[in-house]
Amino acid sequence: MQSRIMGIVLIVVGAGVGIWLGSGLASGKSVTGVTLGFVLFCLPFIAVGLYLLLRSKGEIKEQSRVDKERTILNSVMTRGRVGVADLAIETDSTRDEIREYIYDLIGKDLFTGYVNWEKGELVSAEAANIKEGVCPNCGGAVELAGKGLVKCPYCGTETYLSKATGGV
């Protein structure tokens, strides 16, 4: 985003210098001097500004991808179990894009758990352990402590379950 702003500023400065040089030409200044000023001062500003502006489009696209991956990771980590269709709706993406994002998160070692593509669901490792009745902190057997809450009697870890995560 910063390169986009800098690009716009440089283009505006270059255009301003060009207008200033053009007014010098209109007031009878030397054509050679104005042309030299245009080449040395105006064109570099505009060229660098255009370069930064074009480069910012790639940055915006990459930031959008990062935001979508962050949304997927947050959804899985907070809910424990989430449907691929839900993720596609939340991120305004296709199923194939969701698959790419998940593989990228796995490759970056940010997501652990499992994906069941047939059922279309993602399950975090913590939710998988809880479903098996194991504390994600110490490995002890967990007990239901209330609606949506599982508590480990050994280490005191409380794990909050969403409706999608299931029970112990």
Protein backbone atom coordinates (compact mmCIF):
# COMPACT_ATOMS: atom_id res chain seq x y z
CA MET A 1 0.00 0.00 0.00
CA GLN A 2 2.86 2.35 0.79
CA SER A 3 4.40 1.95 -2.67
CA ARG A 4 1.03 2.83 -4.21
CA ILE A 5 0.90 6.11 -2.31
CA MET A 6 4.52 6.92 -3.13
CA GLY A 7 3.83 6.16 -6.81
CA ILE A 8 0.90 8.55 -6.90
CA VAL A 9 2.89 11.25 -5.12
CA LEU A 10 5.81 10.91 -7.56
CA ILE A 11 3.51 11.05 -10.59
CA VAL A 12 1.85 14.19 -9.23
CA VAL A 13 5.26 15.78 -8.54
CA GLY A 14 6.47 14.84 -12.03
CA ALA A 15 3.32 16.29 -13.58
CA GLY A 16 3.77 19.46 -11.51
CA VAL A 17 7.37 19.81 -12.69
CA GLY A 18 6.20 19.23 -16.26
CA ILE A 19 3.57 21.94 -15.96
CA TRP A 20 6.12 24.33 -14.46
CA LEU A 21 8.56 23.59 -17.29
CA GLY A 22 5.76 23.99 -19.83
CA SER A 23 4.93 27.42 -18.42
CA GLY A 24 8.60 28.35 -18.88
CA LEU A 25 8.37 27.36 -22.52
CA ALA A 26 5.25 29.50 -22.95
CA SER A 27 7.05 32.51 -21.46
CA GLY A 28 9.79 32.31 -24.07
CA LYS A 29 12.43 30.14 -22.41
CA SER A 30 14.79 28.07 -24.52
CA VAL A 31 13.26 24.89 -25.99
CA THR A 32 16.52 23.06 -25.34
CA GLY A 33 16.56 24.07 -21.67
CA VAL A 34 12.93 23.10 -21.15
CA THR A 35 13.46 19.75 -22.92
CA LEU A 36 16.54 19.06 -20.81
CA GLY A 37 14.63 19.97 -17.65
CA PHE A 38 11.76 17.73 -18.71
CA VAL A 39 14.09 14.76 -19.33
CA LEU A 40 16.15 15.26 -16.16
CA PHE A 41 13.42 16.20 -13.70
CA CYS A 42 9.96 15.36 -14.96
CA LEU A 43 10.39 11.95 -16.62
CA PRO A 44 12.27 10.27 -13.73
CA PHE A 45 9.53 11.21 -11.26
CA ILE A 46 6.81 9.93 -13.55
CA ALA A 47 8.71 6.74 -14.48
CA VAL A 48 9.48 5.79 -10.87
CA GLY A 49 5.92 6.70 -9.86
CA LEU A 50 4.45 4.44 -12.55
CA TYR A 51 6.81 1.62 -11.55
CA LEU A 52 5.73 1.87 -7.90
CA LEU A 53 2.08 2.10 -8.86
CA LEU A 54 2.27 -1.04 -11.00
CA ARG A 55 4.26 -2.90 -8.35
CA SER A 56 1.63 -2.08 -5.74
CA LYS A 57 -0.97 -4.11 -7.65
CA GLY A 58 1.04 -7.27 -6.94
CA GLU A 59 1.37 -6.28 -3.30
CA ILE A 60 -2.37 -5.78 -3.01
CA LYS A 61 -3.02 -9.20 -4.56
CA GLU A 62 -0.54 -10.86 -2.18
CA GLN A 63 -2.04 -9.05 0.82
CA SER A 64 -5.49 -10.30 -0.20
CA ARG A 65 -4.14 -13.86 -0.27
CA VAL A 66 -2.55 -13.44 3.16
CA ASP A 67 -5.80 -12.04 4.56
CA LYS A 68 -7.77 -15.00 3.23
CA GLU A 69 -5.26 -17.48 4.68
CA ARG A 70 -5.44 -15.67 8.02
CA THR A 71 -9.24 -15.89 7.95
CA ILE A 72 -9.07 -19.62 7.25
CA LEU A 73 -6.54 -20.21 10.02
CA ASN A 74 -8.52 -18.13 12.53
CA SER A 75 -11.76 -19.95 11.66
CA VAL A 76 -10.22 -23.38 12.09
CA MET A 77 -8.37 -22.50 15.28
CA THR A 78 -11.34 -20.83 16.96
CA ARG A 79 -14.00 -23.32 15.87
CA GLY A 80 -11.87 -26.46 15.78
CA ARG A 81 -13.88 -27.94 12.93
CA VAL A 82 -15.11 -25.97 9.95
CA GLY A 83 -16.58 -26.83 6.60
CA VAL A 84 -14.74 -26.03 3.39
CA ALA A 85 -17.97 -24.54 2.02
CA ASP A 86 -18.15 -22.18 5.02
CA LEU A 87 -14.56 -21.11 4.41
CA ALA A 88 -15.29 -20.51 0.74
CA ILE A 89 -18.19 -18.23 1.68
CA GLU A 90 -16.25 -16.40 4.40
CA THR A 91 -13.29 -15.68 2.11
CA ASP A 92 -15.27 -15.28 -1.13
CA SER A 93 -13.15 -18.01 -2.72
CA THR A 94 -13.68 -21.19 -4.70
CA ARG A 95 -13.10 -24.66 -3.25
CA ASP A 96 -9.92 -24.99 -5.32
CA GLU A 97 -8.60 -21.71 -3.92
CA ILE A 98 -9.41 -22.90 -0.39
CA ARG A 99 -7.45 -26.08 -1.12
CA GLU A 100 -4.44 -23.99 -2.28
CA TYR A 101 -4.64 -21.78 0.81
CA ILE A 102 -4.78 -24.80 3.12
CA TYR A 103 -1.81 -26.47 1.43
CA ASP A 104 0.10 -23.19 1.71
CA LEU A 105 -0.70 -22.97 5.44
CA ILE A 106 0.41 -26.58 5.92
CA GLY A 107 3.61 -25.90 3.98
CA LYS A 108 4.33 -22.92 6.23
CA ASP A 109 3.77 -25.16 9.26
CA LEU A 110 0.93 -22.94 10.45
CA PHE A 111 -1.88 -25.49 10.31
CA THR A 112 -1.86 -28.88 11.96
CA GLY A 113 -4.80 -31.17 11.90
CA TYR A 114 -6.56 -33.01 9.16
CA VAL A 115 -8.69 -32.31 6.12
CA ASN A 116 -11.45 -34.62 4.99
CA TRP A 117 -12.07 -33.55 1.40
CA GLU A 118 -14.93 -36.02 0.95
CA LYS A 119 -16.88 -34.55 3.88
CA GLY A 120 -15.52 -31.11 3.08
CA GLU A 121 -14.25 -30.29 6.55
CA LEU A 122 -11.10 -29.05 8.21
CA VAL A 123 -10.28 -30.11 11.76
CA SER A 124 -7.51 -28.60 13.86
CA ALA A 125 -5.16 -30.95 15.71
CA GLU A 126 -6.43 -29.58 19.02
CA ALA A 127 -10.05 -30.34 18.11
CA ALA A 128 -9.05 -33.82 16.92
CA ASN A 129 -7.38 -34.50 20.29
CA ILE A 130 -10.37 -33.19 22.20
CA LYS A 131 -12.71 -35.38 20.21
CA GLU A 132 -10.63 -38.35 21.28
CA GLY A 133 -10.97 -37.24 24.92
CA VAL A 134 -7.33 -36.15 25.29
CA CYS A 135 -6.13 -32.87 26.77
CA PRO A 136 -4.27 -30.83 24.15
CA ASN A 137 -1.90 -29.55 26.86
CA CYS A 138 -0.85 -32.58 28.94
CA GLY A 139 -2.44 -35.55 27.18
CA GLY A 140 -4.64 -36.54 30.14
CA ALA A 141 -8.24 -37.65 29.89
CA VAL A 142 -10.61 -34.69 29.77
CA GLU A 143 -14.04 -34.31 31.33
CA LEU A 144 -17.07 -32.36 30.26
CA ALA A 145 -17.25 -29.33 32.55
CA GLY A 146 -20.26 -27.59 31.09
CA LYS A 147 -21.96 -26.70 27.87
CA GLY A 148 -19.20 -26.36 25.29
CA LEU A 149 -16.43 -26.62 27.88
CA VAL A 150 -14.00 -29.48 28.42
CA LYS A 151 -11.68 -29.36 31.42
CA CYS A 152 -8.60 -31.42 32.17
CA PRO A 153 -8.59 -32.59 35.82
CA TYR A 154 -4.78 -32.97 35.73
CA CYS A 155 -3.47 -29.63 34.45
CA GLY A 156 -6.64 -27.49 34.61
CA THR A 157 -6.66 -26.62 30.91
CA GLU A 158 -10.10 -25.49 29.79
CA THR A 159 -10.99 -25.98 26.16
CA TYR A 160 -14.01 -24.27 24.69
CA LEU A 161 -15.87 -26.14 22.00
CA SER A 162 -18.09 -24.70 19.35
CA LYS A 163 -21.16 -26.57 18.13
CA ALA A 164 -19.16 -27.59 15.05
CA THR A 165 -16.35 -29.12 17.12
CA GLY A 166 -18.44 -31.82 18.67
CA GLY A 167 -18.12 -33.37 22.08
CA VAL A 168 -15.79 -35.60 24.01
